[in-house]
N, C-alpha and C. Protein backbone atom coordinates (compact mmCIF):
# COMPACT_ATOMS: atom_id res chain seq x y z
N MET A 1 -37.53 -31.37 34.36
CA MET A 1 -36.62 -30.84 33.35
C MET A 1 -37.49 -29.10 33.29
N SER A 2 -39.18 -29.76 33.18
CA SER A 2 -39.70 -28.00 32.95
C SER A 2 -39.90 -27.20 34.01
N THR A 3 -39.41 -28.09 35.08
CA THR A 3 -39.29 -26.91 36.55
C THR A 3 -38.24 -25.93 35.92
N VAL A 4 -37.29 -26.98 36.18
CA VAL A 4 -35.52 -26.10 35.69
C VAL A 4 -35.80 -24.96 34.82
N GLN A 5 -36.31 -25.58 33.14
CA GLN A 5 -36.86 -24.30 32.58
C GLN A 5 -37.91 -23.05 33.14
N GLN A 6 -38.68 -23.80 33.87
CA GLN A 6 -39.63 -22.50 34.24
C GLN A 6 -38.92 -21.55 35.18
N ALA A 7 -37.87 -22.23 36.07
CA ALA A 7 -36.98 -21.55 36.78
C ALA A 7 -35.28 -20.54 36.21
N GLN A 8 -35.87 -21.20 34.99
CA GLN A 8 -34.90 -19.98 33.77
C GLN A 8 -33.47 -20.49 34.08
N GLY A 9 -32.73 -21.53 34.65
CA GLY A 9 -31.49 -22.16 34.70
C GLY A 9 -31.44 -22.85 36.14
N ILE A 10 -30.51 -23.95 36.08
CA ILE A 10 -29.81 -24.50 36.88
C ILE A 10 -29.77 -23.80 38.44
N ASP A 11 -29.41 -22.62 38.14
CA ASP A 11 -28.75 -21.80 39.62
C ASP A 11 -30.15 -21.37 40.02
N ASN A 12 -30.86 -20.91 39.42
CA ASN A 12 -32.37 -20.06 39.85
C ASN A 12 -33.25 -21.45 40.40
N PHE A 13 -32.78 -22.25 39.70
CA PHE A 13 -33.79 -23.77 40.58
C PHE A 13 -33.61 -23.65 41.79
N PHE A 14 -32.01 -24.19 41.79
CA PHE A 14 -31.72 -24.46 43.25
C PHE A 14 -31.80 -23.33 44.08
N ASP A 15 -31.80 -22.13 43.70
CA ASP A 15 -32.25 -20.87 44.29
C ASP A 15 -33.81 -20.88 45.23
N ALA A 16 -34.53 -21.52 44.22
CA ALA A 16 -35.97 -21.60 44.37
C ALA A 16 -36.13 -22.99 45.58
N LEU A 17 -35.46 -23.64 45.30
CA LEU A 17 -35.82 -25.05 46.24
C LEU A 17 -34.88 -24.57 47.40
N PHE A 18 -34.04 -24.28 47.83
CA PHE A 18 -33.63 -23.90 49.35
C PHE A 18 -34.18 -22.14 49.67
N ALA A 19 -34.91 -21.65 48.66
CA ALA A 19 -35.96 -20.84 49.47
C ALA A 19 -37.43 -21.81 49.81
N PHE A 20 -37.84 -22.48 49.14
CA PHE A 20 -38.87 -23.51 49.92
C PHE A 20 -38.50 -24.06 50.98
N MET A 21 -37.28 -24.90 50.69
CA MET A 21 -36.78 -25.28 52.18
C MET A 21 -36.34 -24.48 53.28
N ARG A 22 -36.28 -23.08 52.96
CA ARG A 22 -36.12 -22.19 54.49
C ARG A 22 -37.45 -22.11 54.93
N ARG A 23 -38.41 -21.87 53.89
CA ARG A 23 -39.61 -21.15 54.22
C ARG A 23 -40.54 -22.60 54.92
N LYS A 24 -40.42 -23.38 54.49
CA LYS A 24 -41.14 -24.57 54.80
C LYS A 24 -40.69 -25.90 55.86
N THR A 25 -39.85 -25.86 56.02
CA THR A 25 -38.90 -27.01 57.07
C THR A 25 -37.92 -26.34 57.67
N ASP A 26 -37.39 -27.07 58.78
CA ASP A 26 -36.63 -26.45 59.53
C ASP A 26 -35.11 -27.10 59.18
N LEU A 27 -34.92 -27.43 57.80
CA LEU A 27 -33.62 -28.07 57.62
C LEU A 27 -32.38 -26.69 58.10
N PHE A 28 -32.76 -25.54 57.81
CA PHE A 28 -31.50 -24.77 58.19
C PHE A 28 -31.18 -24.38 59.65
N THR A 29 -32.34 -25.28 60.50
CA THR A 29 -31.99 -24.91 62.23
C THR A 29 -30.84 -25.31 62.64
N LYS A 30 -30.51 -26.33 61.91
CA LYS A 30 -29.07 -26.83 62.04
C LYS A 30 -27.98 -27.20 60.57
N ALA A 31 -27.48 -25.80 60.37
CA ALA A 31 -26.75 -25.61 59.06
C ALA A 31 -25.87 -26.54 59.06
N ASP A 32 -24.94 -27.47 60.00
CA ASP A 32 -23.89 -27.89 59.45
C ASP A 32 -24.44 -29.55 58.71
N GLN A 33 -25.83 -29.58 59.32
CA GLN A 33 -26.63 -30.85 59.29
C GLN A 33 -27.19 -30.63 58.12
N ALA A 34 -27.43 -29.60 57.48
CA ALA A 34 -28.09 -29.07 56.43
C ALA A 34 -27.08 -29.37 55.34
N ARG A 35 -25.97 -29.09 55.67
CA ARG A 35 -24.88 -28.75 54.49
C ARG A 35 -24.25 -30.54 54.34
N GLY A 36 -24.43 -31.10 55.15
CA GLY A 36 -23.85 -32.88 55.48
C GLY A 36 -25.04 -33.63 54.67
N THR A 37 -26.26 -32.89 54.73
CA THR A 37 -27.42 -33.40 54.42
C THR A 37 -27.13 -33.07 52.76
N VAL A 38 -27.12 -32.19 51.81
CA VAL A 38 -27.06 -31.62 50.65
C VAL A 38 -26.22 -32.35 50.16
N ASN A 39 -24.54 -32.56 50.80
CA ASN A 39 -23.75 -32.93 50.37
C ASN A 39 -23.52 -34.21 50.27
N GLN A 40 -24.32 -35.29 51.24
CA GLN A 40 -24.59 -36.34 50.89
C GLN A 40 -25.25 -36.80 49.79
N ALA A 41 -26.20 -36.05 49.52
CA ALA A 41 -27.09 -36.29 48.40
C ALA A 41 -26.19 -36.26 46.96
N MET A 42 -25.87 -35.03 46.74
CA MET A 42 -24.73 -34.47 45.74
C MET A 42 -23.91 -35.67 45.66
N GLU A 43 -23.24 -36.01 46.47
CA GLU A 43 -22.31 -37.08 46.20
C GLU A 43 -22.55 -38.70 46.12
N LYS A 44 -23.80 -38.70 46.26
CA LYS A 44 -24.26 -39.58 45.83
C LYS A 44 -24.91 -39.95 44.50
N ASN A 45 -25.08 -38.88 44.15
CA ASN A 45 -25.82 -38.87 42.83
C ASN A 45 -24.81 -38.62 41.92
N ILE A 46 -23.45 -37.80 42.05
CA ILE A 46 -22.33 -38.02 41.30
C ILE A 46 -21.80 -38.85 41.40
N LYS A 47 -21.96 -40.37 42.19
CA LYS A 47 -21.31 -41.44 41.61
C LYS A 47 -22.10 -42.30 41.18
N LEU A 48 -23.18 -42.08 40.79
CA LEU A 48 -24.42 -42.83 40.33
C LEU A 48 -24.11 -42.49 38.64
N PHE A 49 -23.80 -40.67 38.41
CA PHE A 49 -23.59 -40.48 37.49
C PHE A 49 -22.60 -40.93 36.62
N GLN A 50 -21.57 -41.30 37.48
CA GLN A 50 -20.04 -41.55 37.06
C GLN A 50 -20.29 -43.24 36.65
N GLU A 51 -21.32 -44.01 37.52
CA GLU A 51 -20.97 -45.32 37.34
C GLU A 51 -22.04 -45.55 35.74
N ASP A 52 -23.41 -44.50 35.82
CA ASP A 52 -23.96 -44.08 34.11
C ASP A 52 -23.08 -44.34 33.00
N ILE A 53 -22.34 -43.45 33.21
CA ILE A 53 -21.29 -43.57 32.00
C ILE A 53 -20.12 -44.35 31.48
N VAL A 54 -19.65 -45.18 32.80
CA VAL A 54 -19.17 -46.23 32.80
C VAL A 54 -19.97 -47.33 32.19
N ARG A 55 -20.96 -47.80 32.49
CA ARG A 55 -22.01 -48.38 31.68
C ARG A 55 -22.12 -47.93 30.54
N LYS A 56 -22.50 -47.25 30.19
CA LYS A 56 -23.38 -46.81 28.61
C LYS A 56 -21.63 -46.92 27.81
N GLU A 57 -20.43 -46.69 28.37
CA GLU A 57 -19.20 -46.94 27.36
C GLU A 57 -19.03 -48.45 27.12
N ALA A 58 -19.23 -49.22 28.31
CA ALA A 58 -19.36 -50.47 28.56
C ALA A 58 -20.10 -51.46 27.29
N ILE A 59 -21.43 -50.54 27.18
CA ILE A 59 -22.72 -50.83 26.16
C ILE A 59 -21.95 -50.83 25.23
N THR A 60 -21.66 -49.61 24.71
CA THR A 60 -21.02 -48.79 23.22
C THR A 60 -19.68 -49.40 22.76
N ARG A 61 -18.88 -50.21 23.65
CA ARG A 61 -17.53 -50.69 23.41
C ARG A 61 -18.16 -52.35 23.05
N LYS A 62 -19.41 -52.62 23.95
CA LYS A 62 -19.44 -54.33 23.42
C LYS A 62 -20.29 -54.31 22.24
N ARG A 63 -21.19 -53.29 21.85
CA ARG A 63 -21.69 -53.26 20.44
C ARG A 63 -20.97 -53.01 19.31
N GLN A 64 -19.84 -52.17 19.54
CA GLN A 64 -18.63 -52.26 18.45
C GLN A 64 -17.60 -53.18 18.32
N GLU A 65 -17.72 -53.91 19.50
CA GLU A 65 -16.97 -55.47 19.38
C GLU A 65 -18.12 -56.02 18.81
N ASP A 66 -19.25 -56.50 19.01
CA ASP A 66 -20.25 -57.40 18.54
C ASP A 66 -19.72 -56.94 16.99
N ALA A 67 -20.08 -55.77 16.58
CA ALA A 67 -20.43 -55.25 15.11
C ALA A 67 -19.02 -55.74 14.39
N ALA A 68 -17.54 -55.88 15.47
CA ALA A 68 -16.69 -55.74 14.29
C ALA A 68 -16.72 -57.67 14.36
N LYS A 69 -16.95 -58.15 15.16
CA LYS A 69 -17.40 -59.80 15.29
C LYS A 69 -17.73 -60.38 14.22
N GLN A 70 -19.27 -59.47 14.22
CA GLN A 70 -19.95 -59.98 12.91
C GLN A 70 -19.38 -59.78 11.33
N ALA A 71 -18.99 -58.67 11.28
CA ALA A 71 -18.54 -58.00 10.08
C ALA A 71 -17.38 -59.11 9.55
N ALA A 72 -16.42 -59.84 10.34
CA ALA A 72 -15.89 -60.67 10.19
C ALA A 72 -16.03 -61.67 9.85
N HIS A 73 -17.19 -62.36 10.67
CA HIS A 73 -17.78 -63.46 10.24
C HIS A 73 -18.48 -63.63 8.37
N ASN A 74 -19.32 -62.24 8.56
CA ASN A 74 -19.96 -62.01 7.36
C ASN A 74 -18.58 -62.27 6.59
N ALA A 75 -17.81 -61.51 6.35
CA ALA A 75 -16.42 -61.84 5.10
C ALA A 75 -16.04 -63.01 5.15
N ALA A 76 -15.79 -63.56 6.57
CA ALA A 76 -15.29 -65.04 5.82
C ALA A 76 -16.37 -66.11 5.39
N VAL A 77 -17.69 -65.88 5.80
CA VAL A 77 -18.97 -66.64 5.12
C VAL A 77 -18.78 -66.32 3.73
N LYS A 78 -18.67 -64.27 3.13
CA LYS A 78 -18.70 -64.58 1.75
C LYS A 78 -17.35 -65.13 1.16
N LYS A 79 -15.86 -64.81 1.63
CA LYS A 79 -15.20 -65.55 1.05
C LYS A 79 -15.47 -66.84 0.95
N ALA A 80 -15.49 -67.80 2.15
CA ALA A 80 -15.55 -69.45 2.00
C ALA A 80 -16.65 -69.45 0.69
N ALA A 81 -17.64 -68.83 0.75
CA ALA A 81 -18.57 -69.07 -0.48
C ALA A 81 -18.46 -68.75 -1.66
N GLU A 82 -17.33 -67.57 -1.57
CA GLU A 82 -16.41 -67.58 -3.20
C GLU A 82 -15.34 -68.38 -3.52
N ASP A 83 -14.90 -69.07 -2.57
CA ASP A 83 -13.49 -69.86 -2.58
C ASP A 83 -14.22 -71.22 -3.25
N HIS A 84 -15.39 -71.83 -2.80
CA HIS A 84 -16.18 -72.93 -2.92
C HIS A 84 -17.08 -72.80 -4.11
N LYS A 85 -17.31 -71.64 -4.65
CA LYS A 85 -18.06 -71.40 -6.06
C LYS A 85 -16.88 -71.52 -6.88
N VAL A 86 -15.64 -70.93 -6.86
CA VAL A 86 -14.38 -70.79 -7.85
C VAL A 86 -14.21 -72.17 -7.93
N GLU A 87 -13.92 -72.99 -6.72
CA GLU A 87 -13.75 -74.49 -6.82
C GLU A 87 -14.51 -75.03 -7.63
N SER A 88 -16.12 -75.10 -7.17
CA SER A 88 -16.98 -76.03 -8.27
C SER A 88 -16.61 -75.84 -9.56
N SER A 89 -16.82 -74.42 -9.99
CA SER A 89 -16.95 -74.09 -11.31
C SER A 89 -15.49 -74.10 -11.80
N ASP A 90 -14.40 -74.54 -11.26
CA ASP A 90 -13.45 -75.08 -11.58
C ASP A 90 -12.73 -76.27 -12.38
N ALA A 91 -14.46 -77.10 -11.82
CA ALA A 91 -14.27 -78.79 -11.72
C ALA A 91 -14.51 -78.70 -13.38
N ILE A 92 -13.90 -79.93 -14.23
CA ILE A 92 -14.19 -79.87 -15.50
C ILE A 92 -14.16 -81.44 -14.91
N MET A 93 -15.34 -81.87 -15.92
CA MET A 93 -16.09 -83.23 -16.04
C MET A 93 -16.35 -83.73 -17.25
N GLU A 94 -15.80 -84.79 -17.85
CA GLU A 94 -16.39 -85.52 -19.04
C GLU A 94 -17.63 -86.33 -19.07
N VAL A 95 -18.69 -85.64 -20.32
CA VAL A 95 -20.03 -85.90 -20.11
C VAL A 95 -20.53 -86.51 -21.52
N SER A 96 -21.04 -87.59 -21.47
CA SER A 96 -21.51 -87.87 -23.24
C SER A 96 -22.32 -86.76 -23.79
N GLU A 97 -22.10 -86.98 -24.77
CA GLU A 97 -23.48 -85.84 -25.92
C GLU A 97 -25.19 -85.74 -25.14
N GLU A 98 -25.48 -87.19 -24.73
CA GLU A 98 -26.72 -86.86 -24.18
C GLU A 98 -26.58 -86.00 -22.92
N GLU A 99 -25.46 -86.14 -21.82
CA GLU A 99 -25.63 -85.85 -20.83
C GLU A 99 -25.46 -84.22 -20.81
N ALA A 100 -24.84 -83.82 -22.19
CA ALA A 100 -24.62 -82.23 -22.25
C ALA A 100 -26.10 -81.65 -22.62
N ARG A 101 -26.85 -82.65 -23.33
CA ARG A 101 -27.68 -82.17 -24.19
C ARG A 101 -28.69 -81.91 -22.91
N GLN A 102 -28.62 -82.55 -21.89
CA GLN A 102 -29.82 -82.68 -20.73
C GLN A 102 -29.51 -81.66 -20.02
N ILE A 103 -27.81 -81.09 -19.71
CA ILE A 103 -27.66 -80.19 -18.77
C ILE A 103 -27.79 -78.95 -19.56
N GLU A 104 -27.77 -78.94 -20.88
CA GLU A 104 -27.93 -77.45 -21.53
C GLU A 104 -29.78 -76.84 -21.56
N LEU A 105 -30.12 -78.33 -21.47
CA LEU A 105 -31.85 -77.98 -21.24
C LEU A 105 -31.94 -77.43 -19.94
N GLU A 106 -31.32 -78.28 -19.01
CA GLU A 106 -31.44 -77.72 -17.33
C GLU A 106 -31.09 -76.19 -17.24
N GLU A 107 -30.24 -75.88 -17.89
CA GLU A 107 -29.51 -74.40 -17.52
C GLU A 107 -30.55 -73.76 -18.48
N ALA A 108 -31.43 -73.95 -19.45
CA ALA A 108 -32.37 -73.00 -20.42
C ALA A 108 -33.25 -73.09 -19.28
N ALA A 109 -33.98 -74.32 -18.84
CA ALA A 109 -35.03 -74.21 -17.82
C ALA A 109 -34.75 -73.61 -16.63
N LYS A 110 -33.67 -73.17 -16.09
CA LYS A 110 -33.50 -72.30 -15.12
C LYS A 110 -33.57 -71.35 -15.42
N LYS A 111 -32.81 -70.44 -16.49
CA LYS A 111 -32.88 -69.32 -17.19
C LYS A 111 -34.08 -68.80 -17.51
N ALA A 112 -35.01 -69.74 -17.81
CA ALA A 112 -36.36 -69.37 -18.18
C ALA A 112 -37.36 -69.66 -16.88
N GLY A 113 -36.52 -70.16 -15.87
CA GLY A 113 -37.40 -70.32 -14.41
C GLY A 113 -38.74 -71.17 -14.37
N LYS A 114 -37.93 -72.33 -15.43
CA LYS A 114 -39.32 -73.22 -15.82
C LYS A 114 -38.54 -74.77 -14.87
N THR A 115 -39.54 -75.55 -14.31
CA THR A 115 -39.34 -76.81 -13.55
C THR A 115 -38.79 -77.82 -14.50
N ILE A 116 -37.66 -78.66 -14.69
CA ILE A 116 -37.96 -80.14 -15.29
C ILE A 116 -38.58 -81.19 -14.48
N ALA A 117 -39.32 -81.72 -15.00
CA ALA A 117 -39.47 -82.97 -14.71
C ALA A 117 -39.27 -84.27 -15.74
N LYS A 118 -38.88 -85.06 -14.99
CA LYS A 118 -38.03 -86.20 -15.67
C LYS A 118 -39.46 -87.15 -15.89
N ALA A 119 -39.37 -87.84 -17.01
CA ALA A 119 -40.44 -88.56 -17.36
C ALA A 119 -40.22 -90.27 -16.72
N GLU A 120 -41.19 -91.04 -16.21
CA GLU A 120 -40.55 -92.28 -16.03
C GLU A 120 -39.97 -93.08 -17.13
N GLU A 121 -38.86 -94.13 -16.35
CA GLU A 121 -38.11 -94.73 -17.44
C GLU A 121 -39.17 -95.48 -18.31
N LYS A 122 -38.56 -95.83 -19.25
CA LYS A 122 -39.30 -96.42 -20.81
C LYS A 122 -39.38 -97.83 -19.88
N LYS A 123 -40.85 -98.28 -20.70
CA LYS A 123 -41.29 -100.04 -20.42
C LYS A 123 -40.04 -101.15 -21.33
N ASP A 124 -39.53 -100.60 -22.17
CA ASP A 124 -38.77 -101.60 -22.43
C ASP A 124 -37.15 -101.34 -21.71
N GLY A 125 -37.13 -100.67 -20.18
CA GLY A 125 -35.98 -100.90 -19.78
C GLY A 125 -34.63 -99.99 -19.89
N ASP A 126 -34.76 -99.39 -21.18
CA ASP A 126 -33.78 -98.59 -21.41
C ASP A 126 -33.59 -97.08 -20.21
N ASP A 127 -32.32 -96.81 -19.68
CA ASP A 127 -32.07 -96.05 -18.30
C ASP A 127 -32.29 -94.42 -19.51
N ASP A 128 -32.61 -94.13 -20.64
CA ASP A 128 -32.68 -93.18 -21.15
C ASP A 128 -33.78 -92.64 -20.90
N GLU A 129 -33.90 -91.26 -20.25
CA GLU A 129 -35.02 -90.48 -19.68
C GLU A 129 -35.26 -89.30 -20.55
N GLU A 130 -36.38 -88.49 -20.73
CA GLU A 130 -36.73 -87.85 -21.14
C GLU A 130 -36.81 -86.38 -20.01
N THR A 131 -36.28 -85.38 -20.73
CA THR A 131 -36.52 -84.13 -19.89
C THR A 131 -37.31 -82.97 -20.70
N MET A 132 -38.62 -82.52 -19.60
CA MET A 132 -39.45 -81.91 -20.45
C MET A 132 -39.90 -80.40 -19.54
N THR A 133 -40.38 -79.42 -19.60
CA THR A 133 -40.63 -78.68 -18.89
C THR A 133 -41.92 -78.72 -18.48
N LEU A 134 -42.36 -78.16 -17.67
CA LEU A 134 -43.59 -78.54 -16.64
C LEU A 134 -44.62 -78.19 -17.89
N GLU A 135 -44.52 -77.17 -18.55
CA GLU A 135 -45.48 -76.74 -19.55
C GLU A 135 -45.67 -77.25 -20.61
N GLU A 136 -44.31 -78.42 -21.02
CA GLU A 136 -44.45 -79.36 -22.09
C GLU A 136 -45.00 -80.75 -21.51
N LYS A 137 -44.96 -80.97 -20.25
CA LYS A 137 -45.98 -82.10 -19.56
C LYS A 137 -47.15 -81.75 -19.45
N ILE A 138 -47.63 -80.90 -19.18
CA ILE A 138 -49.18 -80.22 -19.10
C ILE A 138 -49.99 -80.83 -20.38
N GLU A 139 -49.09 -80.27 -21.31
CA GLU A 139 -49.37 -79.72 -23.04
C GLU A 139 -49.57 -81.19 -23.54
N GLU A 140 -48.76 -82.00 -23.15
CA GLU A 140 -48.81 -83.49 -23.40
C GLU A 140 -49.95 -84.30 -23.06
N GLU A 141 -49.94 -84.20 -21.84
CA GLU A 141 -51.21 -84.48 -20.62
C GLU A 141 -52.55 -84.17 -21.54
N ARG A 142 -52.68 -82.76 -21.81
CA ARG A 142 -54.03 -82.30 -22.09
C ARG A 142 -54.22 -82.81 -23.58
N ARG A 143 -53.14 -83.27 -24.82
CA ARG A 143 -53.35 -83.63 -25.84
C ARG A 143 -53.75 -85.30 -25.69
N ALA A 144 -53.52 -85.63 -24.51
CA ALA A 144 -53.92 -87.20 -24.67
C ALA A 144 -55.46 -87.35 -23.63
N LEU A 145 -56.21 -86.19 -23.53
CA LEU A 145 -57.36 -86.19 -23.31
C LEU A 145 -58.33 -86.27 -24.70
N PRO A 146 -59.52 -86.90 -24.57
CA PRO A 146 -60.44 -86.92 -25.81
C PRO A 146 -61.02 -85.76 -25.83
N SER A 147 -61.10 -85.43 -27.08
CA SER A 147 -61.68 -84.01 -27.34
C SER A 147 -62.90 -83.95 -28.33
N GLU A 148 -63.71 -85.23 -28.06
CA GLU A 148 -64.71 -85.08 -28.73
C GLU A 148 -66.06 -84.68 -27.85
N GLY A 149 -66.96 -84.11 -28.25
CA GLY A 149 -67.91 -83.72 -27.90
C GLY A 149 -67.73 -82.64 -26.41
N LEU A 150 -66.54 -82.09 -26.66
CA LEU A 150 -66.05 -80.83 -25.55
C LEU A 150 -66.41 -79.63 -25.94
N ILE A 151 -66.21 -78.71 -25.29
CA ILE A 151 -66.63 -77.36 -25.56
C ILE A 151 -65.44 -76.86 -24.90
N PRO A 152 -64.80 -75.90 -26.16
CA PRO A 152 -63.78 -74.87 -25.68
C PRO A 152 -63.91 -74.00 -24.97
N VAL A 153 -62.89 -73.69 -23.85
CA VAL A 153 -62.85 -72.64 -22.73
C VAL A 153 -62.85 -71.42 -23.66
N THR A 154 -63.86 -70.49 -23.43
CA THR A 154 -62.92 -68.92 -23.89
C THR A 154 -63.87 -68.06 -22.50
N PHE A 155 -63.59 -66.96 -22.98
CA PHE A 155 -64.30 -65.88 -21.74
C PHE A 155 -65.71 -66.21 -22.21
N GLU A 156 -66.26 -66.32 -23.16
CA GLU A 156 -67.97 -66.15 -23.14
C GLU A 156 -68.63 -67.11 -22.86
N THR A 157 -67.94 -68.60 -22.99
CA THR A 157 -68.03 -70.09 -22.58
C THR A 157 -67.75 -69.80 -20.92
N PHE A 158 -67.18 -69.39 -20.44
CA PHE A 158 -66.58 -69.35 -19.08
C PHE A 158 -67.27 -68.65 -18.37
N THR A 159 -67.73 -67.58 -18.67
CA THR A 159 -68.69 -66.54 -18.09
C THR A 159 -70.37 -67.25 -17.64
N GLN A 160 -70.56 -67.97 -18.80
CA GLN A 160 -72.34 -68.53 -19.20
C GLN A 160 -71.91 -69.36 -18.09
N TRP A 161 -70.97 -70.50 -18.02
CA TRP A 161 -70.93 -71.86 -17.17
C TRP A 161 -70.65 -71.00 -15.35
N LYS A 162 -70.09 -69.97 -15.30
CA LYS A 162 -70.30 -69.28 -13.82
C LYS A 162 -71.65 -68.84 -13.42
N LYS A 163 -72.38 -68.34 -14.73
CA LYS A 163 -74.11 -67.43 -14.42
C LYS A 163 -74.70 -68.88 -14.41
N ASP A 164 -74.86 -69.92 -15.17
CA ASP A 164 -75.71 -71.09 -14.88
C ASP A 164 -75.25 -71.65 -13.18
N LYS A 165 -74.25 -71.74 -13.05
CA LYS A 165 -73.58 -72.41 -11.90
C LYS A 165 -73.93 -71.50 -10.49
N ALA A 166 -73.72 -70.17 -10.60
CA ALA A 166 -74.99 -69.40 -9.56
C ALA A 166 -76.37 -69.58 -9.49
N GLU A 167 -77.17 -69.93 -10.46
CA GLU A 167 -78.52 -69.95 -10.65
C GLU A 167 -78.90 -71.10 -10.26
N ARG A 168 -77.72 -72.38 -10.05
CA ARG A 168 -78.17 -73.51 -9.63
C ARG A 168 -78.07 -73.66 -8.04
N LYS A 169 -77.09 -72.63 -7.64
CA LYS A 169 -77.28 -72.56 -5.91
C LYS A 169 -78.41 -71.69 -5.92
């Protein structure tokens, strides 16, 4: 490409190329054979150029078909998901007061981004289960620990503990 630019165009490039061939080779001693060689190379490259165009068009067409198929697939999946969502939200189910309270607690926890942990069944054999958020469960376990003789964790006590631990090492 830079050679053609240096020659200031394709016509000047070919003129320089054939001038070189005239000066440095015996290509022109047999003029008919020289024309045949040049024409053969030209025909070969024209054919390759045309094949490249056909191949690029086929690739473009294939990409467009694949994109159309993918878009149709995505639309079908989206529609199916919407249909399923509508079907599942349309379902009406009768629940007891306790189940309704449970559902409300779960929805509230989901909105707050909390996890609901179910307590183990009570020892008396009731199927009644408590629902607690993770924070409530942790707080309950913390309250169950003995509190006598413990030092509350504050910023000052934590930094002192960290300092003491570093000195022990």
